PDB file of N, CA and C in Angstrom:
ATOM      1  N   MET A   1     -56.907 -27.632 -56.484  1.00  0.00           N
ATOM      2  CA  MET A   1     -56.618 -26.745 -55.386  1.00  0.00           C
ATOM      3  C   MET A   1     -57.925 -26.399 -54.649  1.00  0.00           C
ATOM      4  N   ASP A   2     -57.811 -26.328 -53.359  1.00  0.00           N
ATOM      5  CA  ASP A   2     -58.880 -25.782 -52.588  1.00  0.00           C
ATOM      6  C   ASP A   2     -58.778 -24.275 -52.407  1.00  0.00           C
ATOM      7  N   GLU A   3     -59.916 -23.650 -51.861  1.00  0.00           N
ATOM      8  CA  GLU A   3     -60.008 -22.269 -51.745  1.00  0.00           C
ATOM      9  C   GLU A   3     -58.787 -21.657 -50.880  1.00  0.00           C
ATOM     10  N   GLU A   4     -58.452 -22.302 -49.832  1.00  0.00           N
ATOM     11  CA  GLU A   4     -57.427 -21.793 -49.024  1.00  0.00           C
ATOM     12  C   GLU A   4     -56.032 -21.773 -49.747  1.00  0.00           C
ATOM     13  N   ASP A   5     -55.718 -22.828 -50.541  1.00  0.00           N
ATOM     14  CA  ASP A   5     -54.521 -22.855 -51.280  1.00  0.00           C
ATOM     15  C   ASP A   5     -54.483 -21.732 -52.342  1.00  0.00           C
ATOM     16  N   LEU A   6     -55.622 -21.468 -52.971  1.00  0.00           N
ATOM     17  CA  LEU A   6     -55.772 -20.362 -53.955  1.00  0.00           C
ATOM     18  C   LEU A   6     -55.577 -19.005 -53.212  1.00  0.00           C
ATOM     19  N   PHE A   7     -56.064 -18.822 -52.122  1.00  0.00           N
ATOM     20  CA  PHE A   7     -55.934 -17.588 -51.333  1.00  0.00           C
ATOM     21  C   PHE A   7     -54.428 -17.355 -50.977  1.00  0.00           C
ATOM     22  N   CYS A   8     -53.728 -18.481 -50.548  1.00  0.00           N
ATOM     23  CA  CYS A   8     -52.348 -18.402 -50.194  1.00  0.00           C
ATOM     24  C   CYS A   8     -51.577 -18.030 -51.406  1.00  0.00           C
ATOM     25  N   LEU A   9     -51.842 -18.700 -52.533  1.00  0.00           N
ATOM     26  CA  LEU A   9     -51.084 -18.424 -53.754  1.00  0.00           C
ATOM     27  C   LEU A   9     -51.273 -17.019 -54.232  1.00  0.00           C
ATOM     28  N   GLN A  10     -52.508 -16.389 -54.078  1.00  0.00           N
ATOM     29  CA  GLN A  10     -52.750 -14.974 -54.514  1.00  0.00           C
ATOM     30  C   GLN A  10     -51.940 -14.090 -53.579  1.00  0.00           C
ATOM     31  N   TYR A  11     -52.022 -14.383 -52.249  1.00  0.00           N
ATOM     32  CA  TYR A  11     -51.336 -13.536 -51.339  1.00  0.00           C
ATOM     33  C   TYR A  11     -49.851 -13.524 -51.566  1.00  0.00           C
ATOM     34  N   ASP A  12     -49.300 -14.780 -51.908  1.00  0.00           N
ATOM     35  CA  ASP A  12     -47.822 -14.848 -52.213  1.00  0.00           C
ATOM     36  C   ASP A  12     -47.480 -13.987 -53.376  1.00  0.00           C
ATOM     37  N   MET A  13     -48.340 -14.074 -54.478  1.00  0.00           N
ATOM     38  CA  MET A  13     -48.055 -13.305 -55.688  1.00  0.00           C
ATOM     39  C   MET A  13     -48.192 -11.859 -55.451  1.00  0.00           C
ATOM     40  N   ASN A  14     -49.237 -11.372 -54.658  1.00  0.00           N
ATOM     41  CA  ASN A  14     -49.237  -9.954 -54.346  1.00  0.00           C
ATOM     42  C   ASN A  14     -48.013  -9.486 -53.538  1.00  0.00           C
ATOM     43  N   ASP A  15     -47.531 -10.302 -52.635  1.00  0.00           N
ATOM     44  CA  ASP A  15     -46.361 -10.039 -51.936  1.00  0.00           C
ATOM     45  C   ASP A  15     -45.129  -9.873 -52.814  1.00  0.00           C
ATOM     46  N   CYS A  16     -45.053 -10.739 -53.837  1.00  0.00           N
ATOM     47  CA  CYS A  16     -43.972 -10.683 -54.849  1.00  0.00           C
ATOM     48  C   CYS A  16     -44.014  -9.370 -55.664  1.00  0.00           C
ATOM     49  N   TYR A  17     -45.216  -8.940 -56.057  1.00  0.00           N
ATOM     50  CA  TYR A  17     -45.357  -7.697 -56.886  1.00  0.00           C
ATOM     51  C   TYR A  17     -44.939  -6.522 -55.900  1.00  0.00           C
ATOM     52  N   SER A  18     -45.359  -6.544 -54.628  1.00  0.00           N
ATOM     53  CA  SER A  18     -44.974  -5.513 -53.690  1.00  0.00           C
ATOM     54  C   SER A  18     -43.473  -5.467 -53.462  1.00  0.00           C
ATOM     55  N   ARG A  19     -42.763  -6.623 -53.517  1.00  0.00           N
ATOM     56  CA  ARG A  19     -41.343  -6.672 -53.321  1.00  0.00           C
ATOM     57  C   ARG A  19     -40.676  -6.122 -54.651  1.00  0.00           C
ATOM     58  N   LEU A  20     -41.222  -6.471 -55.780  1.00  0.00           N
ATOM     59  CA  LEU A  20     -40.633  -5.951 -57.026  1.00  0.00           C
ATOM     60  C   LEU A  20     -40.853  -4.394 -57.008  1.00  0.00           C
ATOM     61  N   LYS A  21     -42.026  -3.879 -56.655  1.00  0.00           N
ATOM     62  CA  LYS A  21     -42.250  -2.440 -56.653  1.00  0.00           C
ATOM     63  C   LYS A  21     -41.127  -1.755 -55.768  1.00  0.00           C
ATOM     64  N   ARG A  22     -40.876  -2.334 -54.615  1.00  0.00           N
ATOM     65  CA  ARG A  22     -39.843  -1.722 -53.762  1.00  0.00           C
ATOM     66  C   ARG A  22     -38.381  -1.786 -54.375  1.00  0.00           C
ATOM     67  N   LEU A  23     -38.127  -2.854 -55.088  1.00  0.00           N
ATOM     68  CA  LEU A  23     -36.775  -3.044 -55.500  1.00  0.00           C
ATOM     69  C   LEU A  23     -36.364  -2.346 -56.840  1.00  0.00           C
ATOM     70  N   VAL A  24     -37.304  -2.091 -57.654  1.00  0.00           N
ATOM     71  CA  VAL A  24     -37.007  -1.566 -58.993  1.00  0.00           C
ATOM     72  C   VAL A  24     -36.999   0.027 -58.834  1.00  0.00           C
ATOM     73  N   PRO A  25     -35.945   0.728 -59.030  1.00  0.00           N
ATOM     74  CA  PRO A  25     -35.945   2.082 -58.726  1.00  0.00           C
ATOM     75  C   PRO A  25     -36.749   2.994 -59.693  1.00  0.00           C
ATOM     76  N   THR A  26     -37.165   2.483 -60.832  1.00  0.00           N
ATOM     77  CA  THR A  26     -37.918   3.243 -61.855  1.00  0.00           C
ATOM     78  C   THR A  26     -39.435   3.229 -61.501  1.00  0.00           C
ATOM     79  N   ILE A  27     -39.961   2.459 -60.586  1.00  0.00           N
ATOM     80  CA  ILE A  27     -41.304   2.379 -60.373  1.00  0.00           C
ATOM     81  C   ILE A  27     -41.659   3.498 -59.315  1.00  0.00           C
ATOM     82  N   PRO A  28     -42.639   4.337 -59.676  1.00  0.00           N
ATOM     83  CA  PRO A  28     -43.077   5.436 -58.607  1.00  0.00           C
ATOM     84  C   PRO A  28     -43.581   4.765 -57.440  1.00  0.00           C
ATOM     85  N   GLN A  29     -43.064   5.065 -56.295  1.00  0.00           N
ATOM     86  CA  GLN A  29     -43.457   4.484 -54.976  1.00  0.00           C
ATOM     87  C   GLN A  29     -44.674   5.161 -54.463  1.00  0.00           C
ATOM     88  N   ASP A  30     -45.012   6.437 -54.866  1.00  0.00           N
ATOM     89  CA  ASP A  30     -46.009   7.196 -54.290  1.00  0.00           C
ATOM     90  C   ASP A  30     -47.331   7.026 -55.194  1.00  0.00           C
ATOM     91  N   LYS A  31     -47.306   6.210 -56.101  1.00  0.00           N
ATOM     92  CA  LYS A  31     -48.446   6.090 -57.122  1.00  0.00           C
ATOM     93  C   LYS A  31     -48.870   4.613 -57.224  1.00  0.00           C
ATOM     94  N   LYS A  32     -50.097   4.392 -57.383  1.00  0.00           N
ATOM     95  CA  LYS A  32     -50.579   3.053 -57.555  1.00  0.00           C
ATOM     96  C   LYS A  32     -50.304   2.669 -58.996  1.00  0.00           C
ATOM     97  N   VAL A  33     -49.625   1.454 -59.097  1.00  0.00           N
ATOM     98  CA  VAL A  33     -49.270   1.017 -60.517  1.00  0.00           C
ATOM     99  C   VAL A  33     -49.858  -0.472 -60.634  1.00  0.00           C
ATOM    100  N   SER A  34     -50.280  -0.792 -61.799  1.00  0.00           N
ATOM    101  CA  SER A  34     -50.836  -2.143 -62.057  1.00  0.00           C
ATOM    102  C   SER A  34     -49.721  -3.155 -62.038  1.00  0.00           C
ATOM    103  N   LYS A  35     -50.066  -4.388 -61.957  1.00  0.00           N
ATOM    104  CA  LYS A  35     -49.225  -5.526 -62.042  1.00  0.00           C
ATOM    105  C   LYS A  35     -48.403  -5.474 -63.372  1.00  0.00           C
ATOM    106  N   VAL A  36     -49.192  -5.193 -64.487  1.00  0.00           N
ATOM    107  CA  VAL A  36     -48.548  -5.133 -65.753  1.00  0.00           C
ATOM    108  C   VAL A  36     -47.505  -4.094 -65.813  1.00  0.00           C
ATOM    109  N   GLU A  37     -47.770  -2.913 -65.250  1.00  0.00           N
ATOM    110  CA  GLU A  37     -46.739  -1.813 -65.266  1.00  0.00           C
ATOM    111  C   GLU A  37     -45.596  -2.169 -64.349  1.00  0.00           C
ATOM    112  N   ILE A  38     -45.748  -2.821 -63.371  1.00  0.00           N
ATOM    113  CA  ILE A  38     -44.657  -3.352 -62.494  1.00  0.00           C
ATOM    114  C   ILE A  38     -43.765  -4.320 -63.325  1.00  0.00           C
ATOM    115  N   LEU A  39     -44.345  -5.178 -64.093  1.00  0.00           N
ATOM    116  CA  LEU A  39     -43.658  -6.136 -64.900  1.00  0.00           C
ATOM    117  C   LEU A  39     -42.945  -5.400 -65.967  1.00  0.00           C
ATOM    118  N   GLN A  40     -43.560  -4.382 -66.555  1.00  0.00           N
ATOM    119  CA  GLN A  40     -42.881  -3.608 -67.575  1.00  0.00           C
ATOM    120  C   GLN A  40     -41.639  -2.910 -67.039  1.00  0.00           C
ATOM    121  N   HIS A  41     -41.756  -2.309 -65.909  1.00  0.00           N
ATOM    122  CA  HIS A  41     -40.660  -1.624 -65.183  1.00  0.00           C
ATOM    123  C   HIS A  41     -39.489  -2.725 -64.997  1.00  0.00           C
ATOM    124  N   VAL A  42     -39.925  -3.831 -64.448  1.00  0.00           N
ATOM    125  CA  VAL A  42     -38.908  -4.881 -64.192  1.00  0.00           C
ATOM    126  C   VAL A  42     -38.118  -5.248 -65.450  1.00  0.00           C
ATOM    127  N   ILE A  43     -38.914  -5.465 -66.559  1.00  0.00           N
ATOM    128  CA  ILE A  43     -38.274  -5.796 -67.910  1.00  0.00           C
ATOM    129  C   ILE A  43     -37.322  -4.829 -68.251  1.00  0.00           C
ATOM    130  N   ASP A  44     -37.769  -3.439 -68.261  1.00  0.00           N
ATOM    131  CA  ASP A  44     -36.940  -2.342 -68.598  1.00  0.00           C
ATOM    132  C   ASP A  44     -35.668  -2.296 -67.744  1.00  0.00           C
ATOM    133  N   TYR A  45     -35.810  -2.486 -66.458  1.00  0.00           N
ATOM    134  CA  TYR A  45     -34.716  -2.406 -65.543  1.00  0.00           C
ATOM    135  C   TYR A  45     -33.696  -3.497 -65.841  1.00  0.00           C
ATOM    136  N   ILE A  46     -34.181  -4.706 -66.052  1.00  0.00           N
ATOM    137  CA  ILE A  46     -33.222  -5.862 -66.372  1.00  0.00           C
ATOM    138  C   ILE A  46     -32.489  -5.503 -67.709  1.00  0.00           C
ATOM    139  N   LEU A  47     -33.179  -5.078 -68.751  1.00  0.00           N
ATOM    140  CA  LEU A  47     -32.562  -4.673 -69.946  1.00  0.00           C
ATOM    141  C   LEU A  47     -31.526  -3.565 -69.827  1.00  0.00           C
ATOM    142  N   ASP A  48     -31.923  -2.637 -69.001  1.00  0.00           N
ATOM    143  CA  ASP A  48     -30.940  -1.570 -68.659  1.00  0.00           C
ATOM    144  C   ASP A  48     -29.644  -2.056 -67.965  1.00  0.00           C
ATOM    145  N   LEU A  49     -29.855  -2.865 -67.026  1.00  0.00           N
ATOM    146  CA  LEU A  49     -28.737  -3.557 -66.312  1.00  0.00           C
ATOM    147  C   LEU A  49     -27.859  -4.234 -67.257  1.00  0.00           C
ATOM    148  N   GLN A  50     -28.536  -5.085 -68.144  1.00  0.00           N
ATOM    149  CA  GLN A  50     -27.871  -5.872 -69.124  1.00  0.00           C
ATOM    150  C   GLN A  50     -26.951  -5.005 -70.037  1.00  0.00           C
ATOM    151  N   LEU A  51     -27.663  -3.878 -70.489  1.00  0.00           N
ATOM    152  CA  LEU A  51     -26.880  -2.975 -71.491  1.00  0.00           C
ATOM    153  C   LEU A  51     -25.614  -2.383 -70.638  1.00  0.00           C
ATOM    154  N   ALA A  52     -25.857  -2.017 -69.375  1.00  0.00           N
ATOM    155  CA  ALA A  52     -24.805  -1.459 -68.511  1.00  0.00           C
ATOM    156  C   ALA A  52     -23.681  -2.368 -68.483  1.00  0.00           C
ATOM    157  N   LEU A  53     -23.931  -3.602 -68.238  1.00  0.00           N
ATOM    158  CA  LEU A  53     -22.896  -4.602 -68.131  1.00  0.00           C
ATOM    159  C   LEU A  53     -22.155  -4.733 -69.473  1.00  0.00           C
ATOM    160  N   GLU A  54     -22.909  -4.873 -70.529  1.00  0.00           N
ATOM    161  CA  GLU A  54     -22.344  -5.126 -71.807  1.00  0.00           C
ATOM    162  C   GLU A  54     -21.489  -4.029 -72.342  1.00  0.00           C
ATOM    163  N   THR A  55     -21.758  -2.803 -71.802  1.00  0.00           N
ATOM    164  CA  THR A  55     -21.015  -1.536 -72.320  1.00  0.00           C
ATOM    165  C   THR A  55     -20.001  -1.080 -71.284  1.00  0.00           C
ATOM    166  N   HIS A  56     -19.865  -1.778 -70.218  1.00  0.00           N
ATOM    167  CA  HIS A  56     -18.963  -1.376 -69.117  1.00  0.00           C
ATOM    168  C   HIS A  56     -17.569  -1.335 -69.602  1.00  0.00           C
ATOM    169  N   PRO A  57     -16.766  -0.284 -69.296  1.00  0.00           N
ATOM    170  CA  PRO A  57     -15.341  -0.130 -69.776  1.00  0.00           C
ATOM    171  C   PRO A  57     -14.498  -1.423 -69.414  1.00  0.00           C
ATOM    172  N   SER A  58     -14.608  -1.982 -68.388  1.00  0.00           N
ATOM    173  CA  SER A  58     -13.723  -3.042 -68.005  1.00  0.00           C
ATOM    174  C   SER A  58     -13.943  -4.222 -68.926  1.00  0.00           C
ATOM    175  N   LEU A  59     -15.202  -4.494 -69.463  1.00  0.00           N
ATOM    176  CA  LEU A  59     -15.480  -5.493 -70.362  1.00  0.00           C
ATOM    177  C   LEU A  59     -14.772  -5.194 -71.745  1.00  0.00           C
ATOM    178  N   HIS A  60     -14.737  -3.986 -72.239  1.00  0.00           N
ATOM    179  CA  HIS A  60     -14.151  -3.608 -73.325  1.00  0.00           C
ATOM    180  C   HIS A  60     -12.626  -3.849 -73.274  1.00  0.00           C
ATOM    181  N   LYS A  61     -12.037  -3.602 -72.149  1.00  0.00           N
ATOM    182  CA  LYS A  61     -10.537  -3.784 -71.980  1.00  0.00           C
ATOM    183  C   LYS A  61     -10.224  -5.263 -72.131  1.00  0.00           C
ATOM    184  N   GLN A  62     -11.091  -6.140 -71.417  1.00  0.00           N
ATOM    185  CA  GLN A  62     -10.926  -7.578 -71.460  1.00  0.00           C
ATOM    186  C   GLN A  62     -11.070  -8.008 -72.934  1.00  0.00           C
ATOM    187  N   GLN A  63     -12.123  -7.535 -73.683  1.00  0.00           N
ATOM    188  CA  GLN A  63     -12.286  -7.965 -75.023  1.00  0.00           C
ATOM    189  C   GLN A  63     -11.222  -7.503 -75.932  1.00  0.00           C
ATOM    190  N   GLN A  64     -10.575  -6.332 -75.669  1.00  0.00           N
ATOM    191  CA  GLN A  64      -9.416  -5.983 -76.442  1.00  0.00           C
ATOM    192  C   GLN A  64      -8.179  -6.892 -76.215  1.00  0.00           C
ATOM    193  N   ARG A  65      -8.077  -7.448 -74.977  1.00  0.00           N
ATOM    194  CA  ARG A  65      -6.939  -8.261 -74.742  1.00  0.00           C
ATOM    195  C   ARG A  65      -7.168  -9.653 -75.400  1.00  0.00           C
ATOM    196  N   THR A  66      -8.392 -10.086 -75.364  1.00  0.00           N
ATOM    197  CA  THR A  66      -8.626 -11.419 -75.986  1.00  0.00           C
ATOM    198  C   THR A  66      -8.939 -11.319 -77.405  1.00  0.00           C
ATOM    199  N   GLY A  67      -9.165 -10.169 -77.957  1.00  0.00           N
ATOM    200  CA  GLY A  67      -9.268 -10.096 -79.381  1.00  0.00           C
ATOM    201  C   GLY A  67     -10.814 -10.270 -79.857  1.00  0.00           C
ATOM    202  N   THR A  68     -11.652 -10.257 -78.926  1.00  0.00           N
ATOM    203  CA  THR A  68     -13.098 -10.387 -79.242  1.00  0.00           C
ATOM    204  C   THR A  68     -13.712  -9.099 -79.511  1.00  0.00           C
ATOM    205  N   CYS A  69     -14.785  -8.992 -80.262  1.00  0.00           N
ATOM    206  CA  CYS A  69     -15.409  -7.696 -80.542  1.00  0.00           C
ATOM    207  C   CYS A  69     -16.422  -7.384 -79.589  1.00  0.00           C
ATOM    208  N   PRO A  70     -16.629  -6.168 -79.244  1.00  0.00           N
ATOM    209  CA  PRO A  70     -17.619  -5.777 -78.251  1.00  0.00           C
ATOM    210  C   PRO A  70     -18.916  -5.948 -78.769  1.00  0.00           C
ATOM    211  N   PRO A  71     -19.935  -6.181 -77.961  1.00  0.00           N
ATOM    212  CA  PRO A  71     -21.307  -6.357 -78.543  1.00  0.00           C
ATOM    213  C   PRO A  71     -21.814  -4.860 -78.959  1.00  0.00           C
ATOM    214  N   PRO A  72     -22.695  -4.796 -79.907  1.00  0.00           N
ATOM    215  CA  PRO A  72     -23.241  -3.517 -80.245  1.00  0.00           C
ATOM    216  C   PRO A  72     -24.097  -2.982 -79.222  1.00  0.00           C
ATOM    217  N   ALA A  73     -23.912  -1.717 -78.937  1.00  0.00           N
ATOM    218  CA  ALA A  73     -24.785  -1.024 -77.968  1.00  0.00           C
ATOM    219  C   ALA A  73     -26.110  -0.885 -78.562  1.00  0.00           C
ATOM    220  N   SER A  74     -26.989  -1.394 -77.804  1.00  0.00           N
ATOM    221  CA  SER A  74     -28.446  -1.282 -78.455  1.00  0.00           C
ATOM    222  C   SER A  74     -29.181   0.001 -77.780  1.00  0.00           C
ATOM    223  N   SER A  75     -29.836   0.639 -78.613  1.00  0.00           N
ATOM    224  CA  SER A  75     -30.639   1.782 -78.190  1.00  0.00           C
ATOM    225  C   SER A  75     -32.111   1.251 -78.214  1.00  0.00           C
ATOM    226  N   ARG A  76     -32.825   1.402 -77.192  1.00  0.00           N
ATOM    227  CA  ARG A  76     -34.296   0.895 -77.109  1.00  0.00           C
ATOM    228  C   ARG A  76     -35.071   1.892 -76.455  1.00  0.00           C
ATOM    229  N   THR A  77     -36.409   1.742 -76.731  1.00  0.00           N
ATOM    230  CA  THR A  77     -37.324   2.560 -76.022  1.00  0.00           C
ATOM    231  C   THR A  77     -37.999   1.776 -74.853  1.00  0.00           C
ATOM    232  N   PRO A  78     -37.943   2.246 -73.699  1.00  0.00           N
ATOM    233  CA  PRO A  78     -38.518   1.424 -72.595  1.00  0.00           C
ATOM    234  C   PRO A  78     -39.984   1.128 -72.781  1.00  0.00           C
ATOM    235  N   LEU A  79     -40.430  -0.001 -72.387  1.00  0.00           N
ATOM    236  CA  LEU A  79     -41.847  -0.397 -72.461  1.00  0.00           C
ATOM    237  C   LEU A  79     -42.779   0.548 -71.877  1.00  0.00           C
ATOM    238  N   THR A  80     -42.360   1.236 -70.815  1.00  0.00           N
ATOM    239  CA  THR A  80     -43.256   2.209 -70.131  1.00  0.00           C
ATOM    240  C   THR A  80     -43.474   3.382 -71.009  1.00  0.00           C
ATOM    241  N   VAL A  81     -42.433   3.831 -71.780  1.00  0.00           N
ATOM    242  CA  VAL A  81     -42.585   4.917 -72.683  1.00  0.00           C
ATOM    243  C   VAL A  81     -43.416   4.582 -73.819  1.00  0.00           C
ATOM    244  N   LEU A  82     -43.184   3.350 -74.322  1.00  0.00           N
ATOM    245  CA  LEU A  82     -43.888   2.923 -75.455  1.00  0.00           C
ATOM    246  C   LEU A  82     -45.431   2.822 -75.156  1.00  0.00           C
ATOM    247  N   ASN A  83     -45.845   2.484 -73.965  1.00  0.00           N
ATOM    248  CA  ASN A  83     -47.204   2.409 -73.513  1.00  0.00           C
ATOM    249  C   ASN A  83     -47.784   3.763 -73.281  1.00  0.00           C
ATOM    250  N   THR A  84     -46.947   4.688 -72.830  1.00  0.00           N
ATOM    251  CA  THR A  84     -47.453   6.098 -72.708  1.00  0.00           C
ATOM    252  C   THR A  84     -47.753   6.710 -74.038  1.00  0.00           C
ATOM    253  N   ASP A  85     -46.814   6.460 -74.937  1.00  0.00           N
ATOM    254  CA  ASP A  85     -47.055   6.950 -76.321  1.00  0.00           C
ATOM    255  C   ASP A  85     -48.260   6.289 -77.023  1.00  0.00           C
ATOM    256  N   HIS A  86     -48.432   5.008 -76.738  1.00  0.00           N
ATOM    257  CA  HIS A  86     -49.509   4.258 -77.325  1.00  0.00           C
ATOM    258  C   HIS A  86     -50.862   4.688 -76.735  1.00  0.00           C
ATOM    259  N   HIS A  87     -50.923   5.051 -75.495  1.00  0.00           N
ATOM    260  CA  HIS A  87     -52.196   5.502 -74.816  1.00  0.00           C
ATOM    261  C   HIS A  87     -52.477   6.874 -75.351  1.00  0.00           C
ATOM    262  N   GLN A  88     -51.482   7.725 -75.655  1.00  0.00           N
ATOM    263  CA  GLN A  88     -51.793   9.035 -76.103  1.00  0.00           C
ATOM    264  C   GLN A  88     -52.422   9.048 -77.482  1.00  0.00           C
ATOM    265  N   ARG A  89     -51.846   8.138 -78.371  1.00  0.00           N
ATOM    266  CA  ARG A  89     -52.350   8.009 -79.758  1.00  0.00           C
ATOM    267  C   ARG A  89     -53.694   7.203 -79.839  1.00  0.00           C
ATOM    268  N   THR A  90     -54.081   6.540 -78.915  1.00  0.00           N
ATOM    269  CA  THR A  90     -55.220   5.664 -78.922  1.00  0.00           C
ATOM    270  C   THR A  90     -56.349   6.611 -78.413  1.00  0.00           C
ATOM    271  N   SER A  91     -57.417   6.794 -79.208  1.00  0.00           N
ATOM    272  CA  SER A  91     -58.482   7.721 -78.758  1.00  0.00           C
ATOM    273  C   SER A  91     -59.489   6.959 -77.905  1.00  0.00           C
ATOM    274  N   ILE A  92     -59.760   5.745 -78.132  1.00  0.00           N
ATOM    275  CA  ILE A  92     -60.749   5.021 -77.388  1.00  0.00           C
ATOM    276  C   ILE A  92     -60.048   3.717 -76.863  1.00  0.00           C
ATOM    277  N   VAL A  93     -59.981   3.547 -75.620  1.00  0.00           N
ATOM    278  CA  VAL A  93     -59.440   2.324 -74.946  1.00  0.00           C
ATOM    279  C   VAL A  93     -60.501   1.916 -74.035  1.00  0.00           C
ATOM    280  N   LYS A  94     -61.054   0.732 -74.315  1.00  0.00           N
ATOM    281  CA  LYS A  94     -62.146   0.211 -73.529  1.00  0.00           C
ATOM    282  C   LYS A  94     -61.602  -0.245 -72.127  1.00  0.00           C
ATOM    283  N   ASN A  95     -60.509  -0.915 -72.117  1.00  0.00           N
ATOM    284  CA  ASN A  95     -59.941  -1.380 -70.957  1.00  0.00           C
ATOM    285  C   ASN A  95     -58.416  -1.226 -71.124  1.00  0.00           C
ATOM    286  N   PRO A  96     -57.829  -0.261 -70.165  1.00  0.00           N
ATOM    287  CA  PRO A  96     -56.377   0.029 -70.300  1.00  0.00           C
ATOM    288  C   PRO A  96     -55.437  -1.270 -70.395  1.00  0.00           C
ATOM    289  N   GLU A  97     -55.877  -2.363 -69.778  1.00  0.00           N
ATOM    290  CA  GLU A  97     -54.996  -3.556 -69.795  1.00  0.00           C
ATOM    291  C   GLU A  97     -54.958  -4.141 -71.116  1.00  0.00           C
ATOM    292  N   ASP A  98     -55.950  -3.852 -72.008  1.00  0.00           N
ATOM    293  CA  ASP A  98     -55.985  -4.345 -73.352  1.00  0.00           C
ATOM    294  C   ASP A  98     -55.006  -3.759 -74.341  1.00  0.00           C
ATOM    295  N   SER A  99     -54.395  -2.614 -73.959  1.00  0.00           N
ATOM    296  CA  SER A  99     -53.491  -1.872 -74.867  1.00  0.00           C
ATOM    297  C   SER A  99     -52.060  -1.906 -74.448  1.00  0.00           C
ATOM    298  N   ILE A 100     -51.671  -2.878 -73.594  1.00  0.00           N
ATOM    299  CA  ILE A 100     -50.321  -3.008 -73.134  1.00  0.00           C
ATOM    300  C   ILE A 100     -49.418  -3.615 -74.270  1.00  0.00           C
ATOM    301  N   LEU A 101     -48.297  -2.971 -74.449  1.00  0.00           N
ATOM    302  CA  LEU A 101     -47.357  -3.434 -75.460  1.00  0.00           C
ATOM    303  C   LEU A 101     -46.384  -4.328 -74.795  1.00  0.00           C
ATOM    304  N   CYS A 102     -45.887  -5.317 -75.518  1.00  0.00           N
ATOM    305  CA  CYS A 102     -44.905  -6.223 -75.091  1.00  0.00           C
ATOM    306  C   CYS A 102     -43.872  -6.324 -76.114  1.00  0.00           C
ATOM    307  N   ARG A 103     -42.753  -6.770 -75.693  1.00  0.00           N
ATOM    308  CA  ARG A 103     -41.615  -7.051 -76.765  1.00  0.00           C
ATOM    309  C   ARG A 103     -41.452  -8.486 -76.955  1.00  0.00           C
TER     310      ARG A 103
END
Protein backbone atom coordinates (compact mmCIF):
# COMPACT_ATOMS: atom_id res chain seq x y z
CA MET A 1 0.00 0.00 0.00
CA ASP A 2 1.23 3.47 -0.70
CA GLU A 3 1.10 6.34 1.77
CA GLU A 4 -2.09 7.84 0.34
CA ASP A 5 -3.95 4.52 0.66
CA LEU A 6 -2.82 4.18 4.28
CA PHE A 7 -3.98 7.71 5.03
CA CYS A 8 -7.40 6.99 3.49
CA LEU A 9 -7.70 3.75 5.46
CA GLN A 10 -6.83 5.52 8.72
CA TYR A 11 -9.31 8.30 7.92
CA ASP A 12 -12.03 5.71 7.22
CA MET A 13 -11.33 3.89 10.48
CA ASN A 14 -11.43 7.13 12.47
CA ASP A 15 -14.74 7.93 10.84
CA CYS A 16 -16.06 4.50 11.86
CA TYR A 17 -15.04 5.08 15.47
CA SER A 18 -16.73 8.49 15.43
CA ARG A 19 -19.92 6.94 14.09
CA LEU A 20 -19.84 4.21 16.74
CA LYS A 21 -19.36 6.84 19.44
CA ARG A 22 -22.47 8.67 18.22
CA LEU A 23 -24.58 5.50 17.89
CA VAL A 24 -23.93 3.74 21.20
CA PRO A 25 -25.89 5.47 23.97
CA THR A 26 -23.57 4.40 26.81
CA ILE A 27 -20.54 6.24 25.43
CA PRO A 28 -20.09 9.68 27.01
CA GLN A 29 -20.40 12.25 24.24
CA ASP A 30 -18.77 15.08 26.16
CA LYS A 31 -15.62 13.15 27.08
CA LYS A 32 -12.69 11.94 25.01
CA VAL A 33 -12.66 8.14 24.95
CA SER A 34 -10.07 5.83 23.45
CA LYS A 35 -10.76 3.48 20.58
CA VAL A 36 -10.51 0.55 22.98
CA GLU A 37 -13.12 2.13 25.27
CA ILE A 38 -15.40 2.67 22.29
CA LEU A 39 -15.08 -0.99 21.36
CA GLN A 40 -15.77 -2.04 24.96
CA HIS A 41 -18.94 0.05 25.02
CA VAL A 42 -19.99 -1.43 21.67
CA ILE A 43 -19.47 -4.98 22.95
CA ASP A 44 -21.41 -4.22 26.14
CA TYR A 45 -24.22 -2.62 24.15
CA ILE A 46 -24.50 -5.58 21.77
CA LEU A 47 -24.55 -8.03 24.69
CA ASP A 48 -27.21 -5.93 26.46
CA LEU A 49 -29.35 -5.89 23.31
CA GLN A 50 -28.93 -9.64 22.93
CA LEU A 51 -29.98 -10.19 26.55
CA ALA A 52 -32.99 -7.90 26.08
CA LEU A 53 -34.06 -9.90 23.04
CA GLU A 54 -33.55 -13.24 24.78
CA THR A 55 -35.59 -12.19 27.82
CA HIS A 56 -38.35 -10.30 25.99
CA PRO A 57 -41.85 -11.44 27.13
CA SER A 58 -43.05 -12.15 23.60
CA LEU A 59 -40.22 -14.65 23.16
CA HIS A 60 -41.28 -16.46 26.36
CA LYS A 61 -44.88 -16.70 25.12
CA GLN A 62 -43.69 -18.17 21.82
CA GLN A 63 -41.45 -20.66 23.64
CA GLN A 64 -44.31 -21.74 25.90
CA ARG A 65 -46.47 -22.44 22.85
CA THR A 66 -43.74 -24.43 21.11
CA GLY A 67 -42.60 -26.21 24.29
CA THR A 68 -39.02 -24.98 24.16
CA CYS A 69 -37.22 -23.80 27.27
CA PRO A 70 -36.28 -20.15 27.60
CA PRO A 71 -32.58 -19.36 27.62
CA PRO A 72 -31.11 -18.66 31.04
CA ALA A 73 -30.87 -14.97 31.79
CA SER A 74 -27.23 -14.13 32.14
CA SER A 75 -25.95 -11.60 34.57
CA ARG A 76 -22.70 -10.08 33.51
CA THR A 77 -20.50 -7.20 34.47
CA PRO A 78 -19.91 -4.75 31.60
CA LEU A 79 -16.36 -4.49 30.30
CA THR A 80 -16.29 -0.80 31.10
CA VAL A 81 -17.03 -1.53 34.78
CA LEU A 82 -14.47 -4.33 34.88
CA ASN A 83 -11.82 -1.98 33.53
CA THR A 84 -12.70 0.74 36.04
CA ASP A 85 -12.40 -1.78 38.88
CA HIS A 86 -9.14 -3.12 37.44
CA HIS A 87 -7.62 0.37 37.16
CA GLN A 88 -8.55 1.14 40.76
CA ARG A 89 -6.89 -2.07 42.02
CA THR A 90 -3.75 -1.61 39.95
CA SER A 91 -1.32 0.70 41.66
CA ILE A 92 1.15 1.12 38.79
CA VAL A 93 0.05 1.17 35.19
CA LYS A 94 2.76 2.09 32.74
CA ASN A 95 0.43 2.40 29.81
CA PRO A 96 -3.39 2.45 30.34
CA GLU A 97 -3.87 0.54 27.08
CA ASP A 98 -1.87 -2.38 28.57
CA SER A 99 -4.45 -3.08 31.25
CA ILE A 100 -7.60 -3.38 29.14
CA LEU A 101 -9.67 -6.46 29.96
CA CYS A 102 -11.37 -8.51 27.29
CA ARG A 103 -13.86 -11.35 27.41
